[in-house]
Amino acid sequence: MVAKTFFRRILEDTRGATAVEYGLIVALIVIAMITSLQGLANSTIDMWNGIETKVNASNDKLD
């Protein structure tokens, strides 16, 4: 009898569902952040590669 009421209380408890929902929201935010940071990293790498090319070109003119 005690086990039956114990399992019924566990099945009716919704507090854990809120924690799971918050966890899913945080996971989606992290995925969005990683995606945007990868795009930013790619543009930054392209910028530094362009600077390197211009510096190397100017050094070749000095030689």
Protein backbone atom coordinates (compact mmCIF):
# COMPACT_ATOMS: atom_id res chain seq x y z
CA MET A 1 0.00 0.00 0.00
CA VAL A 2 2.81 2.40 0.88
CA ALA A 3 4.64 1.65 -2.38
CA LYS A 4 1.47 2.35 -4.37
CA THR A 5 1.03 5.83 -2.87
CA PHE A 6 4.76 6.50 -3.21
CA PHE A 7 4.74 5.74 -6.95
CA ARG A 8 1.54 7.72 -7.43
CA ARG A 9 3.16 10.78 -5.83
CA ILE A 10 6.21 10.39 -8.07
CA LEU A 11 4.06 10.17 -11.21
CA GLU A 12 2.01 13.22 -10.24
CA ASP A 13 5.04 15.37 -9.31
CA THR A 14 5.75 17.99 -12.01
CA ARG A 15 8.68 19.82 -10.39
CA GLY A 16 11.25 17.86 -12.37
CA ALA A 17 9.55 18.75 -15.64
CA THR A 18 10.37 22.43 -15.09
CA ALA A 19 14.05 21.63 -14.59
CA VAL A 20 14.08 19.60 -17.80
CA GLU A 21 12.45 22.47 -19.69
CA TYR A 22 15.02 24.94 -18.38
CA GLY A 23 17.78 22.51 -19.37
CA LEU A 24 16.44 22.30 -22.91
CA ILE A 25 16.22 26.09 -23.16
CA VAL A 26 19.82 26.44 -21.98
CA ALA A 27 20.95 23.79 -24.48
CA LEU A 28 19.28 25.66 -27.35
CA ILE A 29 20.90 28.93 -26.26
CA VAL A 30 24.32 27.26 -26.12
CA ILE A 31 23.85 25.77 -29.60
CA ALA A 32 22.91 29.22 -30.96
CA MET A 33 25.95 30.78 -29.28
CA ILE A 34 28.34 28.17 -30.69
CA THR A 35 26.91 28.60 -34.17
CA SER A 36 27.22 32.38 -34.08
CA LEU A 37 30.74 32.24 -32.64
CA GLN A 38 31.84 29.90 -35.42
CA GLY A 39 30.58 32.40 -37.99
CA LEU A 40 32.40 35.21 -36.20
CA ALA A 41 35.59 33.14 -36.04
CA ASN A 42 35.47 32.47 -39.78
CA SER A 43 35.11 36.16 -40.61
CA THR A 44 37.90 37.06 -38.19
CA ILE A 45 40.21 34.47 -39.73
CA ASP A 46 39.47 35.86 -43.18
CA MET A 47 40.25 39.38 -41.93
CA TRP A 48 43.63 38.33 -40.48
CA ASN A 49 44.50 36.38 -43.62
CA GLY A 50 43.80 39.52 -45.67
CA ILE A 51 46.03 41.58 -43.39
CA GLU A 52 48.80 39.00 -43.67
CA THR A 53 48.57 39.07 -47.46
CA LYS A 54 48.84 42.88 -47.53
CA VAL A 55 51.79 42.91 -45.10
CA ASN A 56 53.61 40.27 -47.11
CA ALA A 57 52.97 42.21 -50.32
CA SER A 58 54.32 45.42 -48.83
CA ASN A 59 57.40 43.57 -47.52
CA ASP A 60 58.04 42.16 -50.99
CA LYS A 61 58.02 45.70 -52.41
CA LEU A 62 60.65 46.78 -49.88
CA ASP A 63 63.05 43.97 -50.86
